[in-house]
Amino acid sequence: MIFPSVERQRTRAYDDVEPALDAACKELEMTRDELIRLIIREWLEQYGFLLTHYMDEGSWKEDSP
């Protein structure tokens, strides 16, 4: 069970995220779902949880950061 005061704190902690997501979606011309997937993918790649794909001199490479 989540207490009301804890829920209010949790909601306030994320209040700044919603406008930032909306602004980024508009600027990048992406849907909210596409943007969130992109953010998560880049984070996972950066921290080594997902292989990084890049092109090097015409060949496809997979590497972990």
PDB file of N, CA and C in Angstrom:
ATOM      1  N   MET A   1       0.829  -1.182   0.000  1.00  0.00           N
ATOM      2  CA  MET A   1       0.000   0.000   0.000  1.00  0.00           C
ATOM      3  C   MET A   1       0.876   1.249   0.000  1.00  0.00           C
ATOM      4  N   ILE A   2       0.588   2.161  -0.888  1.00  0.00           N
ATOM      5  CA  ILE A   2       1.323   3.418  -0.955  1.00  0.00           C
ATOM      6  C   ILE A   2       0.547   4.467  -0.173  1.00  0.00           C
ATOM      7  N   PHE A   3       1.240   5.115   0.741  1.00  0.00           N
ATOM      8  CA  PHE A   3       0.606   6.162   1.533  1.00  0.00           C
ATOM      9  C   PHE A   3       0.431   7.413   0.688  1.00  0.00           C
ATOM     10  N   PRO A   4      -0.627   8.182   0.926  1.00  0.00           N
ATOM     11  CA  PRO A   4      -0.890   9.383   0.119  1.00  0.00           C
ATOM     12  C   PRO A   4       0.276  10.364   0.075  1.00  0.00           C
ATOM     13  N   SER A   5       0.966  10.572   1.198  1.00  0.00           N
ATOM     14  CA  SER A   5       2.083  11.523   1.204  1.00  0.00           C
ATOM     15  C   SER A   5       3.236  11.031   0.327  1.00  0.00           C
ATOM     16  N   VAL A   6       3.470   9.721   0.324  1.00  0.00           N
ATOM     17  CA  VAL A   6       4.523   9.151  -0.523  1.00  0.00           C
ATOM     18  C   VAL A   6       4.147   9.315  -1.991  1.00  0.00           C
ATOM     19  N   GLU A   7       2.895   9.079  -2.318  1.00  0.00           N
ATOM     20  CA  GLU A   7       2.430   9.231  -3.701  1.00  0.00           C
ATOM     21  C   GLU A   7       2.570  10.678  -4.161  1.00  0.00           C
ATOM     22  N   ARG A   8       2.253  11.638  -3.299  1.00  0.00           N
ATOM     23  CA  ARG A   8       2.406  13.055  -3.660  1.00  0.00           C
ATOM     24  C   ARG A   8       3.867  13.391  -3.910  1.00  0.00           C
ATOM     25  N   GLN A   9       4.769  12.860  -3.075  1.00  0.00           N
ATOM     26  CA  GLN A   9       6.200  13.115  -3.260  1.00  0.00           C
ATOM     27  C   GLN A   9       6.673  12.521  -4.579  1.00  0.00           C
ATOM     28  N   ARG A  10       6.228  11.320  -4.881  1.00  0.00           N
ATOM     29  CA  ARG A  10       6.619  10.655  -6.118  1.00  0.00           C
ATOM     30  C   ARG A  10       6.125  11.449  -7.326  1.00  0.00           C
ATOM     31  N   THR A  11       4.901  11.941  -7.263  1.00  0.00           N
ATOM     32  CA  THR A  11       4.336  12.729  -8.356  1.00  0.00           C
ATOM     33  C   THR A  11       5.111  14.024  -8.544  1.00  0.00           C
ATOM     34  N   ARG A  12       5.428  14.718  -7.450  1.00  0.00           N
ATOM     35  CA  ARG A  12       6.187  15.969  -7.543  1.00  0.00           C
ATOM     36  C   ARG A  12       7.580  15.738  -8.113  1.00  0.00           C
ATOM     37  N   ALA A  13       8.175  14.600  -7.808  1.00  0.00           N
ATOM     38  CA  ALA A  13       9.530  14.316  -8.271  1.00  0.00           C
ATOM     39  C   ALA A  13       9.593  14.191  -9.789  1.00  0.00           C
ATOM     40  N   TYR A  14       8.490  13.828 -10.431  1.00  0.00           N
ATOM     41  CA  TYR A  14       8.477  13.629 -11.877  1.00  0.00           C
ATOM     42  C   TYR A  14       7.738  14.724 -12.633  1.00  0.00           C
ATOM     43  N   ASP A  15       7.302  15.756 -11.938  1.00  0.00           N
ATOM     44  CA  ASP A  15       6.564  16.838 -12.589  1.00  0.00           C
ATOM     45  C   ASP A  15       7.370  17.533 -13.677  1.00  0.00           C
ATOM     46  N   ASP A  16       8.687  17.604 -13.536  1.00  0.00           N
ATOM     47  CA  ASP A  16       9.507  18.284 -14.533  1.00  0.00           C
ATOM     48  C   ASP A  16       9.766  17.423 -15.767  1.00  0.00           C
ATOM     49  N   VAL A  17       9.547  16.131 -15.670  1.00  0.00           N
ATOM     50  CA  VAL A  17       9.817  15.224 -16.786  1.00  0.00           C
ATOM     51  C   VAL A  17       8.772  15.368 -17.891  1.00  0.00           C
ATOM     52  N   GLU A  18       7.530  15.501 -17.527  1.00  0.00           N
ATOM     53  CA  GLU A  18       6.451  15.578 -18.520  1.00  0.00           C
ATOM     54  C   GLU A  18       6.632  16.736 -19.503  1.00  0.00           C
ATOM     55  N   PRO A  19       6.851  17.968 -19.030  1.00  0.00           N
ATOM     56  CA  PRO A  19       7.049  19.066 -19.985  1.00  0.00           C
ATOM     57  C   PRO A  19       8.304  18.880 -20.842  1.00  0.00           C
ATOM     58  N   ALA A  20       9.343  18.294 -20.260  1.00  0.00           N
ATOM     59  CA  ALA A  20      10.572  18.053 -21.016  1.00  0.00           C
ATOM     60  C   ALA A  20      10.328  17.037 -22.129  1.00  0.00           C
ATOM     61  N   LEU A  21       9.592  15.964 -21.830  1.00  0.00           N
ATOM     62  CA  LEU A  21       9.254  14.973 -22.857  1.00  0.00           C
ATOM     63  C   LEU A  21       8.401  15.592 -23.960  1.00  0.00           C
ATOM     64  N   ASP A  22       7.417  16.386 -23.569  1.00  0.00           N
ATOM     65  CA  ASP A  22       6.551  17.035 -24.556  1.00  0.00           C
ATOM     66  C   ASP A  22       7.352  17.944 -25.483  1.00  0.00           C
ATOM     67  N   ALA A  23       8.261  18.736 -24.912  1.00  0.00           N
ATOM     68  CA  ALA A  23       9.076  19.654 -25.710  1.00  0.00           C
ATOM     69  C   ALA A  23      10.003  18.889 -26.654  1.00  0.00           C
ATOM     70  N   ALA A  24      10.617  17.814 -26.157  1.00  0.00           N
ATOM     71  CA  ALA A  24      11.517  17.015 -26.990  1.00  0.00           C
ATOM     72  C   ALA A  24      10.756  16.331 -28.122  1.00  0.00           C
ATOM     73  N   CYS A  25       9.569  15.822 -27.836  1.00  0.00           N
ATOM     74  CA  CYS A  25       8.740  15.186 -28.871  1.00  0.00           C
ATOM     75  C   CYS A  25       8.424  16.179 -29.983  1.00  0.00           C
ATOM     76  N   LYS A  26       8.061  17.367 -29.588  1.00  0.00           N
ATOM     77  CA  LYS A  26       7.710  18.389 -30.568  1.00  0.00           C
ATOM     78  C   LYS A  26       8.927  18.774 -31.415  1.00  0.00           C
ATOM     79  N   GLU A  27      10.067  19.003 -30.753  1.00  0.00           N
ATOM     80  CA  GLU A  27      11.269  19.426 -31.468  1.00  0.00           C
ATOM     81  C   GLU A  27      11.807  18.337 -32.392  1.00  0.00           C
ATOM     82  N   LEU A  28      11.786  17.095 -31.933  1.00  0.00           N
ATOM     83  CA  LEU A  28      12.328  15.981 -32.717  1.00  0.00           C
ATOM     84  C   LEU A  28      11.302  15.344 -33.642  1.00  0.00           C
ATOM     85  N   GLU A  29      10.053  15.819 -33.563  1.00  0.00           N
ATOM     86  CA  GLU A  29       8.960  15.285 -34.370  1.00  0.00           C
ATOM     87  C   GLU A  29       8.835  13.771 -34.198  1.00  0.00           C
ATOM     88  N   MET A  30       8.785  13.349 -32.934  1.00  0.00           N
ATOM     89  CA  MET A  30       8.652  11.942 -32.582  1.00  0.00           C
ATOM     90  C   MET A  30       7.447  11.779 -31.669  1.00  0.00           C
ATOM     91  N   THR A  31       6.893  10.578 -31.662  1.00  0.00           N
ATOM     92  CA  THR A  31       5.834  10.303 -30.698  1.00  0.00           C
ATOM     93  C   THR A  31       6.472  10.098 -29.326  1.00  0.00           C
ATOM     94  N   ARG A  32       5.653  10.166 -28.314  1.00  0.00           N
ATOM     95  CA  ARG A  32       6.142   9.966 -26.947  1.00  0.00           C
ATOM     96  C   ARG A  32       6.765   8.572 -26.808  1.00  0.00           C
ATOM     97  N   ASP A  33       6.108   7.560 -27.363  1.00  0.00           N
ATOM     98  CA  ASP A  33       6.615   6.196 -27.298  1.00  0.00           C
ATOM     99  C   ASP A  33       7.976   6.074 -27.990  1.00  0.00           C
ATOM    100  N   GLU A  34       8.108   6.666 -29.177  1.00  0.00           N
ATOM    101  CA  GLU A  34       9.380   6.618 -29.911  1.00  0.00           C
ATOM    102  C   GLU A  34      10.500   7.288 -29.122  1.00  0.00           C
ATOM    103  N   LEU A  35      10.202   8.437 -28.531  1.00  0.00           N
ATOM    104  CA  LEU A  35      11.216   9.168 -27.777  1.00  0.00           C
ATOM    105  C   LEU A  35      11.660   8.394 -26.541  1.00  0.00           C
ATOM    106  N   ILE A  36      10.714   7.832 -25.820  1.00  0.00           N
ATOM    107  CA  ILE A  36      11.065   7.063 -24.621  1.00  0.00           C
ATOM    108  C   ILE A  36      11.898   5.845 -24.991  1.00  0.00           C
ATOM    109  N   ARG A  37      11.537   5.159 -26.079  1.00  0.00           N
ATOM    110  CA  ARG A  37      12.337   4.014 -26.541  1.00  0.00           C
ATOM    111  C   ARG A  37      13.756   4.445 -26.916  1.00  0.00           C
ATOM    112  N   LEU A  38      13.885   5.595 -27.584  1.00  0.00           N
ATOM    113  CA  LEU A  38      15.198   6.111 -27.964  1.00  0.00           C
ATOM    114  C   LEU A  38      16.039   6.426 -26.731  1.00  0.00           C
ATOM    115  N   ILE A  39      15.446   7.102 -25.762  1.00  0.00           N
ATOM    116  CA  ILE A  39      16.160   7.456 -24.531  1.00  0.00           C
ATOM    117  C   ILE A  39      16.629   6.202 -23.803  1.00  0.00           C
ATOM    118  N   ILE A  40      15.749   5.228 -23.675  1.00  0.00           N
ATOM    119  CA  ILE A  40      16.111   3.992 -22.976  1.00  0.00           C
ATOM    120  C   ILE A  40      17.184   3.232 -23.743  1.00  0.00           C
ATOM    121  N   ARG A  41      17.053   3.142 -25.076  1.00  0.00           N
ATOM    122  CA  ARG A  41      18.052   2.442 -25.891  1.00  0.00           C
ATOM    123  C   ARG A  41      19.430   3.080 -25.731  1.00  0.00           C
ATOM    124  N   GLU A  42      19.497   4.414 -25.805  1.00  0.00           N
ATOM    125  CA  GLU A  42      20.783   5.100 -25.678  1.00  0.00           C
ATOM    126  C   GLU A  42      21.381   4.901 -24.290  1.00  0.00           C
ATOM    127  N   TRP A  43      20.537   4.916 -23.265  1.00  0.00           N
ATOM    128  CA  TRP A  43      21.023   4.691 -21.903  1.00  0.00           C
ATOM    129  C   TRP A  43      21.563   3.270 -21.769  1.00  0.00           C
ATOM    130  N   LEU A  44      20.825   2.283 -22.274  1.00  0.00           N
ATOM    131  CA  LEU A  44      21.262   0.891 -22.198  1.00  0.00           C
ATOM    132  C   LEU A  44      22.570   0.674 -22.953  1.00  0.00           C
ATOM    133  N   GLU A  45      22.717   1.302 -24.116  1.00  0.00           N
ATOM    134  CA  GLU A  45      23.963   1.189 -24.876  1.00  0.00           C
ATOM    135  C   GLU A  45      25.115   1.842 -24.124  1.00  0.00           C
ATOM    136  N   GLN A  46      24.870   3.018 -23.580  1.00  0.00           N
ATOM    137  CA  GLN A  46      25.920   3.761 -22.882  1.00  0.00           C
ATOM    138  C   GLN A  46      26.457   2.988 -21.681  1.00  0.00           C
ATOM    139  N   TYR A  47      25.595   2.286 -20.975  1.00  0.00           N
ATOM    140  CA  TYR A  47      26.009   1.565 -19.781  1.00  0.00           C
ATOM    141  C   TYR A  47      26.298   0.087 -20.028  1.00  0.00           C
ATOM    142  N   GLY A  48      26.370  -0.307 -21.299  1.00  0.00           N
ATOM    143  CA  GLY A  48      26.813  -1.643 -21.641  1.00  0.00           C
ATOM    144  C   GLY A  48      25.784  -2.747 -21.503  1.00  0.00           C
ATOM    145  N   PHE A  49      24.521  -2.394 -21.355  1.00  0.00           N
ATOM    146  CA  PHE A  49      23.477  -3.408 -21.253  1.00  0.00           C
ATOM    147  C   PHE A  49      22.970  -3.844 -22.620  1.00  0.00           C
ATOM    148  N   LEU A  50      23.340  -3.104 -23.653  1.00  0.00           N
ATOM    149  CA  LEU A  50      22.893  -3.383 -25.004  1.00  0.00           C
ATOM    150  C   LEU A  50      24.077  -3.165 -25.935  1.00  0.00           C
ATOM    151  N   LEU A  51      24.238  -4.045 -26.916  1.00  0.00           N
ATOM    152  CA  LEU A  51      25.341  -3.888 -27.854  1.00  0.00           C
ATOM    153  C   LEU A  51      25.195  -2.593 -28.645  1.00  0.00           C
ATOM    154  N   THR A  52      26.319  -1.965 -28.926  1.00  0.00           N
ATOM    155  CA  THR A  52      26.343  -0.746 -29.724  1.00  0.00           C
ATOM    156  C   THR A  52      26.574  -1.130 -31.175  1.00  0.00           C
ATOM    157  N   HIS A  53      25.772  -0.588 -32.070  1.00  0.00           N
ATOM    158  CA  HIS A  53      25.911  -0.848 -33.500  1.00  0.00           C
ATOM    159  C   HIS A  53      26.475   0.396 -34.162  1.00  0.00           C
ATOM    160  N   TYR A  54      27.518   0.220 -34.970  1.00  0.00           N
ATOM    161  CA  TYR A  54      28.063   1.354 -35.703  1.00  0.00           C
ATOM    162  C   TYR A  54      28.679   0.873 -37.006  1.00  0.00           C
ATOM    163  N   MET A  55      28.773   1.786 -37.943  1.00  0.00           N
ATOM    164  CA  MET A  55      29.359   1.470 -39.245  1.00  0.00           C
ATOM    165  C   MET A  55      30.808   1.938 -39.253  1.00  0.00           C
ATOM    166  N   ASP A  56      31.716   1.096 -39.742  1.00  0.00           N
ATOM    167  CA  ASP A  56      33.128   1.446 -39.817  1.00  0.00           C
ATOM    168  C   ASP A  56      33.664   1.033 -41.181  1.00  0.00           C
ATOM    169  N   GLU A  57      33.971   2.005 -42.014  1.00  0.00           N
ATOM    170  CA  GLU A  57      34.531   1.767 -43.347  1.00  0.00           C
ATOM    171  C   GLU A  57      33.732   0.724 -44.128  1.00  0.00           C
ATOM    172  N   GLY A  58      32.433   0.876 -44.144  1.00  0.00           N
ATOM    173  CA  GLY A  58      31.588   0.017 -44.955  1.00  0.00           C
ATOM    174  C   GLY A  58      31.240  -1.327 -44.351  1.00  0.00           C
ATOM    175  N   SER A  59      31.716  -1.612 -43.154  1.00  0.00           N
ATOM    176  CA  SER A  59      31.366  -2.895 -42.539  1.00  0.00           C
ATOM    177  C   SER A  59      30.554  -2.654 -41.275  1.00  0.00           C
ATOM    178  N   TRP A  60      29.682  -3.589 -40.980  1.00  0.00           N
ATOM    179  CA  TRP A  60      28.807  -3.493 -39.813  1.00  0.00           C
ATOM    180  C   TRP A  60      29.539  -4.066 -38.608  1.00  0.00           C
ATOM    181  N   LYS A  61      29.575  -3.304 -37.532  1.00  0.00           N
ATOM    182  CA  LYS A  61      30.272  -3.752 -36.322  1.00  0.00           C
ATOM    183  C   LYS A  61      29.303  -3.791 -35.156  1.00  0.00           C
ATOM    184  N   GLU A  62      29.512  -4.731 -34.265  1.00  0.00           N
ATOM    185  CA  GLU A  62      28.796  -4.766 -32.997  1.00  0.00           C
ATOM    186  C   GLU A  62      29.849  -4.731 -31.910  1.00  0.00           C
ATOM    187  N   ASP A  63      29.623  -3.876 -30.941  1.00  0.00           N
ATOM    188  CA  ASP A  63      30.611  -3.738 -29.888  1.00  0.00           C
ATOM    189  C   ASP A  63      29.921  -3.337 -28.607  1.00  0.00           C
ATOM    190  N   SER A  64      30.519  -3.693 -27.517  1.00  0.00           N
ATOM    191  CA  SER A  64      30.041  -3.256 -26.216  1.00  0.00           C
ATOM    192  C   SER A  64      30.906  -2.075 -25.808  1.00  0.00           C
ATOM    193  N   PRO A  65      30.302  -1.002 -25.272  1.00  0.00           N
ATOM    194  CA  PRO A  65      31.102   0.181 -24.918  1.00  0.00           C
ATOM    195  C   PRO A  65      32.135  -0.093 -23.864  1.00  0.00           C
TER     196      PRO A  65
END
